[in-house]
């Protein structure tokens, strides 16, 4: 299970303030805590700082790679110029993911060449110029279009991670079931992976961590390969560890026991 740490996101007030103030120690603390909690990648989103996103993205990446040169980075932006600059300045040894493309042709034309040039993984959102689909079948249809399109460009589809876009069950109760049903459909395309921006599922609900953890376990059982989460949340880490043990992905529960001994479980 690949874990992408979500905390360095400028939609969070403290992160936004930290970026604006160029508070390097705060950003490093956030990145280090996520890595220590098990994050394979640190997602970096600077789109909401009300400043120069290109400069902000460059600064955050420089800060992280100065102290953590081998950590994976997920470059998260709707602005392909910010993604391009981030890729150009990153000199660390960690693996890179671009977050993200959609089924929109313009987005594919902008981003896929960058993924090829810099040898990155790629997250693909199952949405297009018509918006976000409601059903598993519609999600699969968009995923198939993206799959065929990027494959024609020469992108290695083993590095393609589809996010079927979970939506809040507080307003759309059927969406969790549709998301779960879409996982196996999407993976039938070939050696692609699936990923989930987990926290959307519980938006608007009390005690959101309980819903997030339960849904994550269901998604792992359905075949989810990766998740964009807060790894410092022990309930999330526990859900991942327990699910892997239950699905025989953790031989003799060794990793689960190790996590318990290290105090990582809720």
C-alpha atoms as a PDB file:
ATOM      1  CA  UNK A   1       0.000   0.000   0.000  1.00  0.00           C
ATOM      2  CA  UNK A   2       1.575   3.235  -1.164  1.00  0.00           C
ATOM      3  CA  UNK A   3       0.936   6.193   1.156  1.00  0.00           C
ATOM      4  CA  UNK A   4       0.966   9.803  -0.039  1.00  0.00           C
ATOM      5  CA  UNK A   5       1.032  12.280   2.838  1.00  0.00           C
ATOM      6  CA  UNK A   6      -1.531  15.040   2.276  1.00  0.00           C
ATOM      7  CA  UNK A   7      -0.673  17.589   4.950  1.00  0.00           C
ATOM      8  CA  UNK A   8       1.425  20.098   2.956  1.00  0.00           C
ATOM      9  CA  UNK A   9      -1.587  21.514   1.182  1.00  0.00           C
ATOM     10  CA  UNK A  10      -2.183  25.251   0.977  1.00  0.00           C
ATOM     11  CA  UNK A  11      -5.920  24.826   1.545  1.00  0.00           C
ATOM     12  CA  UNK A  12      -4.927  24.254   5.184  1.00  0.00           C
ATOM     13  CA  UNK A  13      -4.619  27.631   6.925  1.00  0.00           C
ATOM     14  CA  UNK A  14      -1.448  26.833   8.870  1.00  0.00           C
ATOM     15  CA  UNK A  15       0.312  25.513   5.773  1.00  0.00           C
ATOM     16  CA  UNK A  16      -0.743  28.563   3.787  1.00  0.00           C
ATOM     17  CA  UNK A  17       0.605  30.834   6.515  1.00  0.00           C
ATOM     18  CA  UNK A  18       3.825  28.838   6.774  1.00  0.00           C
ATOM     19  CA  UNK A  19       4.475  29.119   3.047  1.00  0.00           C
ATOM     20  CA  UNK A  20       3.735  32.847   2.978  1.00  0.00           C
ATOM     21  CA  UNK A  21       6.073  33.433   5.947  1.00  0.00           C
ATOM     22  CA  UNK A  22       8.750  31.163   4.427  1.00  0.00           C
ATOM     23  CA  UNK A  23       8.774  29.199   7.676  1.00  0.00           C
ATOM     24  CA  UNK A  24      11.163  26.438   6.647  1.00  0.00           C
ATOM     25  CA  UNK A  25      11.282  24.735  10.061  1.00  0.00           C
ATOM     26  CA  UNK A  26       7.485  24.380  10.086  1.00  0.00           C
ATOM     27  CA  UNK A  27       7.350  22.889   6.582  1.00  0.00           C
ATOM     28  CA  UNK A  28      10.160  20.479   7.431  1.00  0.00           C
ATOM     29  CA  UNK A  29       8.369  19.441  10.617  1.00  0.00           C
ATOM     30  CA  UNK A  30       5.228  18.639   8.611  1.00  0.00           C
ATOM     31  CA  UNK A  31       7.170  16.659   6.014  1.00  0.00           C
ATOM     32  CA  UNK A  32       9.266  14.795   8.598  1.00  0.00           C
ATOM     33  CA  UNK A  33       6.245  13.825  10.696  1.00  0.00           C
ATOM     34  CA  UNK A  34       4.515  12.327   7.687  1.00  0.00           C
ATOM     35  CA  UNK A  35       7.566  10.409   6.604  1.00  0.00           C
ATOM     36  CA  UNK A  36       8.101   9.067  10.117  1.00  0.00           C
ATOM     37  CA  UNK A  37       4.461   7.943  10.148  1.00  0.00           C
ATOM     38  CA  UNK A  38       4.959   5.893   6.998  1.00  0.00           C
ATOM     39  CA  UNK A  39       4.436   8.216   4.019  1.00  0.00           C
ATOM     40  CA  UNK A  40       6.170   7.050   0.848  1.00  0.00           C
ATOM     41  CA  UNK A  41       5.498  10.386  -0.853  1.00  0.00           C
ATOM     42  CA  UNK A  42       4.905  13.913   0.406  1.00  0.00           C
ATOM     43  CA  UNK A  43       2.214  15.732  -1.549  1.00  0.00           C
ATOM     44  CA  UNK A  44       3.006  19.421  -2.118  1.00  0.00           C
ATOM     45  CA  UNK A  45       0.190  21.795  -3.088  1.00  0.00           C
ATOM     46  CA  UNK A  46       0.816  25.547  -3.164  1.00  0.00           C
ATOM     47  CA  UNK A  47      -2.124  26.596  -5.319  1.00  0.00           C
ATOM     48  CA  UNK A  48      -4.034  28.485  -2.608  1.00  0.00           C
ATOM     49  CA  UNK A  49      -1.421  30.781  -1.069  1.00  0.00           C
ATOM     50  CA  UNK A  50      -2.667  33.878  -2.937  1.00  0.00           C
ATOM     51  CA  UNK A  51       0.937  34.426  -3.935  1.00  0.00           C
ATOM     52  CA  UNK A  52       3.097  33.294  -6.838  1.00  0.00           C
ATOM     53  CA  UNK A  53       2.454  29.555  -7.019  1.00  0.00           C
ATOM     54  CA  UNK A  54       5.557  28.898  -9.096  1.00  0.00           C
ATOM     55  CA  UNK A  55       7.782  30.625  -6.540  1.00  0.00           C
ATOM     56  CA  UNK A  56       5.967  29.031  -3.599  1.00  0.00           C
ATOM     57  CA  UNK A  57       6.207  25.529  -5.086  1.00  0.00           C
ATOM     58  CA  UNK A  58       9.898  26.015  -5.805  1.00  0.00           C
ATOM     59  CA  UNK A  59      10.582  27.204  -2.272  1.00  0.00           C
ATOM     60  CA  UNK A  60       8.714  24.329  -0.581  1.00  0.00           C
ATOM     61  CA  UNK A  61      10.468  21.713  -2.706  1.00  0.00           C
ATOM     62  CA  UNK A  62      13.851  23.300  -2.034  1.00  0.00           C
ATOM     63  CA  UNK A  63      13.183  23.205   1.703  1.00  0.00           C
ATOM     64  CA  UNK A  64      12.115  19.558   1.692  1.00  0.00           C
ATOM     65  CA  UNK A  65      14.894  18.259  -0.519  1.00  0.00           C
ATOM     66  CA  UNK A  66      17.522  20.157   1.483  1.00  0.00           C
ATOM     67  CA  UNK A  67      16.866  17.935   4.511  1.00  0.00           C
ATOM     68  CA  UNK A  68      15.072  14.914   2.995  1.00  0.00           C
ATOM     69  CA  UNK A  69      16.695  14.391  -0.418  1.00  0.00           C
ATOM     70  CA  UNK A  70      15.462  10.831  -0.865  1.00  0.00           C
ATOM     71  CA  UNK A  71      11.779  11.235   0.027  1.00  0.00           C
ATOM     72  CA  UNK A  72       9.236  10.800  -2.764  1.00  0.00           C
ATOM     73  CA  UNK A  73       7.353  13.928  -3.832  1.00  0.00           C
ATOM     74  CA  UNK A  74       3.850  14.252  -5.255  1.00  0.00           C
ATOM     75  CA  UNK A  75       3.682  17.523  -7.217  1.00  0.00           C
ATOM     76  CA  UNK A  76       0.087  18.654  -6.900  1.00  0.00           C
ATOM     77  CA  UNK A  77      -1.177  21.593  -8.947  1.00  0.00           C
ATOM     78  CA  UNK A  78      -3.838  22.580 -11.480  1.00  0.00           C
ATOM     79  CA  UNK A  79      -1.173  24.794 -13.101  1.00  0.00           C
ATOM     80  CA  UNK A  80       1.071  22.892 -15.479  1.00  0.00           C
ATOM     81  CA  UNK A  81       3.641  25.710 -15.328  1.00  0.00           C
ATOM     82  CA  UNK A  82       4.025  25.144 -11.578  1.00  0.00           C
ATOM     83  CA  UNK A  83       4.421  21.421 -12.203  1.00  0.00           C
ATOM     84  CA  UNK A  84       6.995  22.062 -14.906  1.00  0.00           C
ATOM     85  CA  UNK A  85       9.023  24.349 -12.653  1.00  0.00           C
ATOM     86  CA  UNK A  86       8.870  21.891  -9.755  1.00  0.00           C
ATOM     87  CA  UNK A  87      10.149  19.071 -11.939  1.00  0.00           C
ATOM     88  CA  UNK A  88      12.947  21.230 -13.299  1.00  0.00           C
ATOM     89  CA  UNK A  89      14.249  22.309  -9.896  1.00  0.00           C
ATOM     90  CA  UNK A  90      13.886  19.001  -8.064  1.00  0.00           C
ATOM     91  CA  UNK A  91      17.358  17.561  -7.556  1.00  0.00           C
ATOM     92  CA  UNK A  92      16.610  14.998  -4.871  1.00  0.00           C
ATOM     93  CA  UNK A  93      16.850  11.249  -5.255  1.00  0.00           C
ATOM     94  CA  UNK A  94      13.220  10.483  -4.434  1.00  0.00           C
ATOM     95  CA  UNK A  95      10.607   9.187  -6.843  1.00  0.00           C
ATOM     96  CA  UNK A  96       8.138  11.715  -8.278  1.00  0.00           C
ATOM     97  CA  UNK A  97       4.394  11.654  -8.936  1.00  0.00           C
ATOM     98  CA  UNK A  98       2.489  14.296 -10.875  1.00  0.00           C
ATOM     99  CA  UNK A  99      -0.944  14.989  -9.414  1.00  0.00           C
ATOM    100  CA  UNK A 100      -2.708  15.071 -11.880  1.00  0.00           C
ATOM    101  CA  UNK A 101      -4.186  14.695 -15.343  1.00  0.00           C
ATOM    102  CA  UNK A 102      -7.850  14.301 -16.298  1.00  0.00           C
ATOM    103  CA  UNK A 103      -9.635  13.137 -19.414  1.00  0.00           C
ATOM    104  CA  UNK A 104      -9.417  16.650 -20.824  1.00  0.00           C
ATOM    105  CA  UNK A 105      -7.231  16.660 -23.928  1.00  0.00           C
ATOM    106  CA  UNK A 106      -5.537  19.946 -23.058  1.00  0.00           C
ATOM    107  CA  UNK A 107      -4.441  18.621 -19.681  1.00  0.00           C
ATOM    108  CA  UNK A 108      -3.073  15.435 -21.214  1.00  0.00           C
ATOM    109  CA  UNK A 109      -1.112  17.414 -23.830  1.00  0.00           C
ATOM    110  CA  UNK A 110       0.405  19.621 -21.119  1.00  0.00           C
ATOM    111  CA  UNK A 111       1.295  17.023 -18.503  1.00  0.00           C
ATOM    112  CA  UNK A 112       2.103  13.693 -20.170  1.00  0.00           C
ATOM    113  CA  UNK A 113       5.207  15.064 -21.966  1.00  0.00           C
ATOM    114  CA  UNK A 114       6.487  16.298 -18.592  1.00  0.00           C
ATOM    115  CA  UNK A 115       5.896  12.873 -17.019  1.00  0.00           C
ATOM    116  CA  UNK A 116       7.822  11.269 -19.869  1.00  0.00           C
ATOM    117  CA  UNK A 117      10.676  13.791 -19.747  1.00  0.00           C
ATOM    118  CA  UNK A 118      11.192  13.495 -15.999  1.00  0.00           C
ATOM    119  CA  UNK A 119      10.256   9.797 -15.667  1.00  0.00           C
ATOM    120  CA  UNK A 120       7.498  10.330 -13.106  1.00  0.00           C
ATOM    121  CA  UNK A 121       4.476   8.393 -12.000  1.00  0.00           C
ATOM    122  CA  UNK A 122       1.149   9.973 -12.898  1.00  0.00           C
ATOM    123  CA  UNK A 123      -2.201  10.313 -11.131  1.00  0.00           C
ATOM    124  CA  UNK A 124      -5.220  10.426 -13.444  1.00  0.00           C
ATOM    125  CA  UNK A 125      -8.570  11.706 -12.208  1.00  0.00           C
ATOM    126  CA  UNK A 126     -11.632  10.066 -13.721  1.00  0.00           C
ATOM    127  CA  UNK A 127     -13.230  13.293 -14.879  1.00  0.00           C
ATOM    128  CA  UNK A 128     -13.352  15.093 -18.198  1.00  0.00           C
ATOM    129  CA  UNK A 129     -14.765  18.247 -19.739  1.00  0.00           C
ATOM    130  CA  UNK A 130     -18.264  17.032 -18.845  1.00  0.00           C
ATOM    131  CA  UNK A 131     -17.369  16.977 -15.153  1.00  0.00           C
ATOM    132  CA  UNK A 132     -17.287  14.232 -12.516  1.00  0.00           C
ATOM    133  CA  UNK A 133     -19.178  10.998 -13.264  1.00  0.00           C
ATOM    134  CA  UNK A 134     -21.776   9.513 -10.929  1.00  0.00           C
ATOM    135  CA  UNK A 135     -21.400   5.800 -11.622  1.00  0.00           C
ATOM    136  CA  UNK A 136     -18.681   3.171 -11.643  1.00  0.00           C
ATOM    137  CA  UNK A 137     -19.379   2.521 -15.328  1.00  0.00           C
ATOM    138  CA  UNK A 138     -18.896   6.192 -16.221  1.00  0.00           C
ATOM    139  CA  UNK A 139     -15.689   6.340 -14.186  1.00  0.00           C
ATOM    140  CA  UNK A 140     -14.391   3.298 -16.051  1.00  0.00           C
ATOM    141  CA  UNK A 141     -15.268   4.815 -19.426  1.00  0.00           C
ATOM    142  CA  UNK A 142     -13.197   7.919 -18.682  1.00  0.00           C
ATOM    143  CA  UNK A 143     -10.356   5.807 -17.285  1.00  0.00           C
ATOM    144  CA  UNK A 144     -10.297   3.717 -20.457  1.00  0.00           C
ATOM    145  CA  UNK A 145     -10.063   6.861 -22.610  1.00  0.00           C
ATOM    146  CA  UNK A 146      -7.172   8.201 -20.517  1.00  0.00           C
ATOM    147  CA  UNK A 147      -5.450   4.801 -20.500  1.00  0.00           C
ATOM    148  CA  UNK A 148      -5.551   4.503 -24.289  1.00  0.00           C
ATOM    149  CA  UNK A 149      -4.487   8.112 -24.768  1.00  0.00           C
ATOM    150  CA  UNK A 150      -1.406   8.050 -22.524  1.00  0.00           C
ATOM    151  CA  UNK A 151      -0.400   4.635 -23.785  1.00  0.00           C
ATOM    152  CA  UNK A 152      -0.297   6.058 -27.325  1.00  0.00           C
ATOM    153  CA  UNK A 153       2.071   8.732 -26.014  1.00  0.00           C
ATOM    154  CA  UNK A 154       4.466   6.035 -24.819  1.00  0.00           C
ATOM    155  CA  UNK A 155       3.789   6.413 -21.104  1.00  0.00           C
ATOM    156  CA  UNK A 156       4.389   3.270 -19.027  1.00  0.00           C
ATOM    157  CA  UNK A 157       0.908   2.417 -17.753  1.00  0.00           C
ATOM    158  CA  UNK A 158       2.386   0.540 -14.798  1.00  0.00           C
ATOM    159  CA  UNK A 159       3.112   4.025 -13.422  1.00  0.00           C
ATOM    160  CA  UNK A 160      -0.454   5.256 -13.970  1.00  0.00           C
ATOM    161  CA  UNK A 161      -2.580   5.721 -10.824  1.00  0.00           C
ATOM    162  CA  UNK A 162      -6.298   6.262 -11.344  1.00  0.00           C
ATOM    163  CA  UNK A 163      -8.231   8.265  -8.772  1.00  0.00           C
ATOM    164  CA  UNK A 164     -11.944   7.515  -9.215  1.00  0.00           C
ATOM    165  CA  UNK A 165     -12.827  10.580  -7.134  1.00  0.00           C
ATOM    166  CA  UNK A 166     -14.766   9.695  -4.029  1.00  0.00           C
ATOM    167  CA  UNK A 167     -17.468  12.222  -3.165  1.00  0.00           C
ATOM    168  CA  UNK A 168     -19.071  13.035   0.203  1.00  0.00           C
ATOM    169  CA  UNK A 169     -21.583  10.447   1.346  1.00  0.00           C
ATOM    170  CA  UNK A 170     -23.233  13.161   3.474  1.00  0.00           C
ATOM    171  CA  UNK A 171     -24.743  14.610   0.284  1.00  0.00           C
ATOM    172  CA  UNK A 172     -24.408  11.690  -2.168  1.00  0.00           C
ATOM    173  CA  UNK A 173     -24.966   8.458  -0.206  1.00  0.00           C
ATOM    174  CA  UNK A 174     -24.407   6.088  -3.137  1.00  0.00           C
ATOM    175  CA  UNK A 175     -20.985   7.432  -4.069  1.00  0.00           C
ATOM    176  CA  UNK A 176     -18.925   5.222  -1.759  1.00  0.00           C
ATOM    177  CA  UNK A 177     -20.412   2.087  -3.338  1.00  0.00           C
ATOM    178  CA  UNK A 178     -19.862   3.454  -6.848  1.00  0.00           C
ATOM    179  CA  UNK A 179     -16.236   4.290  -6.061  1.00  0.00           C
ATOM    180  CA  UNK A 180     -15.589   0.830  -4.647  1.00  0.00           C
ATOM    181  CA  UNK A 181     -17.199  -0.830  -7.662  1.00  0.00           C
ATOM    182  CA  UNK A 182     -15.020   1.208 -10.000  1.00  0.00           C
ATOM    183  CA  UNK A 183     -11.728  -0.116  -8.608  1.00  0.00           C
ATOM    184  CA  UNK A 184     -11.896  -3.603 -10.144  1.00  0.00           C
ATOM    185  CA  UNK A 185     -13.273  -2.207 -13.400  1.00  0.00           C
ATOM    186  CA  UNK A 186     -10.387   0.223 -13.756  1.00  0.00           C
ATOM    187  CA  UNK A 187      -7.784  -2.404 -12.874  1.00  0.00           C
ATOM    188  CA  UNK A 188      -9.145  -4.630 -15.634  1.00  0.00           C
ATOM    189  CA  UNK A 189      -7.565  -2.195 -18.120  1.00  0.00           C
ATOM    190  CA  UNK A 190      -4.106  -3.601 -17.452  1.00  0.00           C
ATOM    191  CA  UNK A 191      -1.228  -3.142 -15.005  1.00  0.00           C
ATOM    192  CA  UNK A 192      -2.522   0.207 -13.784  1.00  0.00           C
ATOM    193  CA  UNK A 193      -2.871   1.235 -10.134  1.00  0.00           C
ATOM    194  CA  UNK A 194      -5.664   2.895  -8.176  1.00  0.00           C
ATOM    195  CA  UNK A 195      -5.419   5.697  -5.642  1.00  0.00           C
ATOM    196  CA  UNK A 196      -7.869   7.601  -3.472  1.00  0.00           C
ATOM    197  CA  UNK A 197      -7.991  11.084  -1.984  1.00  0.00           C
ATOM    198  CA  UNK A 198      -9.598   9.640   1.111  1.00  0.00           C
ATOM    199  CA  UNK A 199     -10.867  12.549   3.192  1.00  0.00           C
ATOM    200  CA  UNK A 200     -13.572  13.673   0.742  1.00  0.00           C
ATOM    201  CA  UNK A 201     -15.736  10.697   1.674  1.00  0.00           C
ATOM    202  CA  UNK A 202     -16.493  12.074   5.147  1.00  0.00           C
ATOM    203  CA  UNK A 203     -16.865  15.764   4.326  1.00  0.00           C
ATOM    204  CA  UNK A 204     -19.632  17.365   6.382  1.00  0.00           C
ATOM    205  CA  UNK A 205     -19.856  14.523   8.904  1.00  0.00           C
ATOM    206  CA  UNK A 206     -18.916  14.424  12.593  1.00  0.00           C
ATOM    207  CA  UNK A 207     -16.076  12.172  13.748  1.00  0.00           C
ATOM    208  CA  UNK A 208     -14.715  12.017  10.213  1.00  0.00           C
ATOM    209  CA  UNK A 209     -11.779   9.797  11.105  1.00  0.00           C
ATOM    210  CA  UNK A 210     -14.085   6.872  11.839  1.00  0.00           C
ATOM    211  CA  UNK A 211     -15.693   7.081   8.408  1.00  0.00           C
ATOM    212  CA  UNK A 212     -12.344   7.563   6.673  1.00  0.00           C
ATOM    213  CA  UNK A 213     -10.778   4.524   8.330  1.00  0.00           C
ATOM    214  CA  UNK A 214     -13.752   2.262   7.612  1.00  0.00           C
ATOM    215  CA  UNK A 215     -13.908   3.327   3.986  1.00  0.00           C
ATOM    216  CA  UNK A 216     -10.158   2.903   3.529  1.00  0.00           C
ATOM    217  CA  UNK A 217     -10.377  -0.697   4.755  1.00  0.00           C
ATOM    218  CA  UNK A 218     -13.196  -1.391   2.291  1.00  0.00           C
ATOM    219  CA  UNK A 219     -11.215   0.193  -0.541  1.00  0.00           C
ATOM    220  CA  UNK A 220      -8.091  -1.836   0.252  1.00  0.00           C
ATOM    221  CA  UNK A 221     -10.196  -4.996   0.135  1.00  0.00           C
ATOM    222  CA  UNK A 222     -11.570  -3.866  -3.233  1.00  0.00           C
ATOM    223  CA  UNK A 223      -8.014  -3.568  -4.565  1.00  0.00           C
ATOM    224  CA  UNK A 224      -6.931  -0.002  -3.837  1.00  0.00           C
ATOM    225  CA  UNK A 225      -3.173   0.360  -4.317  1.00  0.00           C
ATOM    226  CA  UNK A 226      -2.483   3.792  -2.833  1.00  0.00           C
ATOM    227  CA  UNK A 227      -4.097   6.520  -0.767  1.00  0.00           C
ATOM    228  CA  UNK A 228      -3.609  10.237  -0.248  1.00  0.00           C
ATOM    229  CA  UNK A 229      -4.070  10.531   3.514  1.00  0.00           C
ATOM    230  CA  UNK A 230      -2.796  12.046   6.730  1.00  0.00           C
ATOM    231  CA  UNK A 231      -0.435   9.257   7.844  1.00  0.00           C
ATOM    232  CA  UNK A 232       0.007  10.869  11.265  1.00  0.00           C
ATOM    233  CA  UNK A 233      -3.620   9.934  12.032  1.00  0.00           C
ATOM    234  CA  UNK A 234      -3.231   6.669  13.940  1.00  0.00           C
ATOM    235  CA  UNK A 235      -6.704   5.511  12.919  1.00  0.00           C
ATOM    236  CA  UNK A 236      -5.689   5.702   9.264  1.00  0.00           C
ATOM    237  CA  UNK A 237      -2.392   3.920   9.855  1.00  0.00           C
ATOM    238  CA  UNK A 238      -4.203   1.253  11.908  1.00  0.00           C
ATOM    239  CA  UNK A 239      -6.774   0.696   9.154  1.00  0.00           C
ATOM    240  CA  UNK A 240      -4.002   0.138   6.617  1.00  0.00           C
ATOM    241  CA  UNK A 241      -1.989  -2.167   8.882  1.00  0.00           C
ATOM    242  CA  UNK A 242      -5.003  -4.242   9.927  1.00  0.00           C
ATOM    243  CA  UNK A 243      -6.348  -4.505   6.366  1.00  0.00           C
ATOM    244  CA  UNK A 244      -3.022  -5.723   5.023  1.00  0.00           C
ATOM    245  CA  UNK A 245      -2.829  -8.345   7.763  1.00  0.00           C
ATOM    246  CA  UNK A 246      -6.394  -9.531   7.125  1.00  0.00           C
ATOM    247  CA  UNK A 247      -5.796  -9.799   3.372  1.00  0.00           C
ATOM    248  CA  UNK A 248      -2.622 -11.872   3.805  1.00  0.00           C
ATOM    249  CA  UNK A 249      -0.454  -9.021   2.545  1.00  0.00           C
ATOM    250  CA  UNK A 250       1.554  -8.999   5.780  1.00  0.00           C
ATOM    251  CA  UNK A 251       3.192 -12.367   6.364  1.00  0.00           C
ATOM    252  CA  UNK A 252       2.447 -13.666   9.869  1.00  0.00           C
ATOM    253  CA  UNK A 253       1.218 -10.127  10.711  1.00  0.00           C
ATOM    254  CA  UNK A 254       4.842  -9.103  11.236  1.00  0.00           C
ATOM    255  CA  UNK A 255       4.363  -5.480  10.177  1.00  0.00           C
ATOM    256  CA  UNK A 256       1.189  -5.139  12.230  1.00  0.00           C
ATOM    257  CA  UNK A 257       2.983  -6.433  15.334  1.00  0.00           C
ATOM    258  CA  UNK A 258       5.934  -4.145  14.658  1.00  0.00           C
ATOM    259  CA  UNK A 259       3.611  -1.149  14.360  1.00  0.00           C
ATOM    260  CA  UNK A 260       1.984  -2.068  17.675  1.00  0.00           C
ATOM    261  CA  UNK A 261       5.351  -2.320  19.421  1.00  0.00           C
ATOM    262  CA  UNK A 262       6.358   1.075  17.997  1.00  0.00           C
ATOM    263  CA  UNK A 263       3.150   2.692  19.275  1.00  0.00           C
ATOM    264  CA  UNK A 264       1.831   3.502  15.804  1.00  0.00           C
ATOM    265  CA  UNK A 265      -1.602   1.901  16.211  1.00  0.00           C
ATOM    266  CA  UNK A 266      -4.665   3.635  17.609  1.00  0.00           C
END
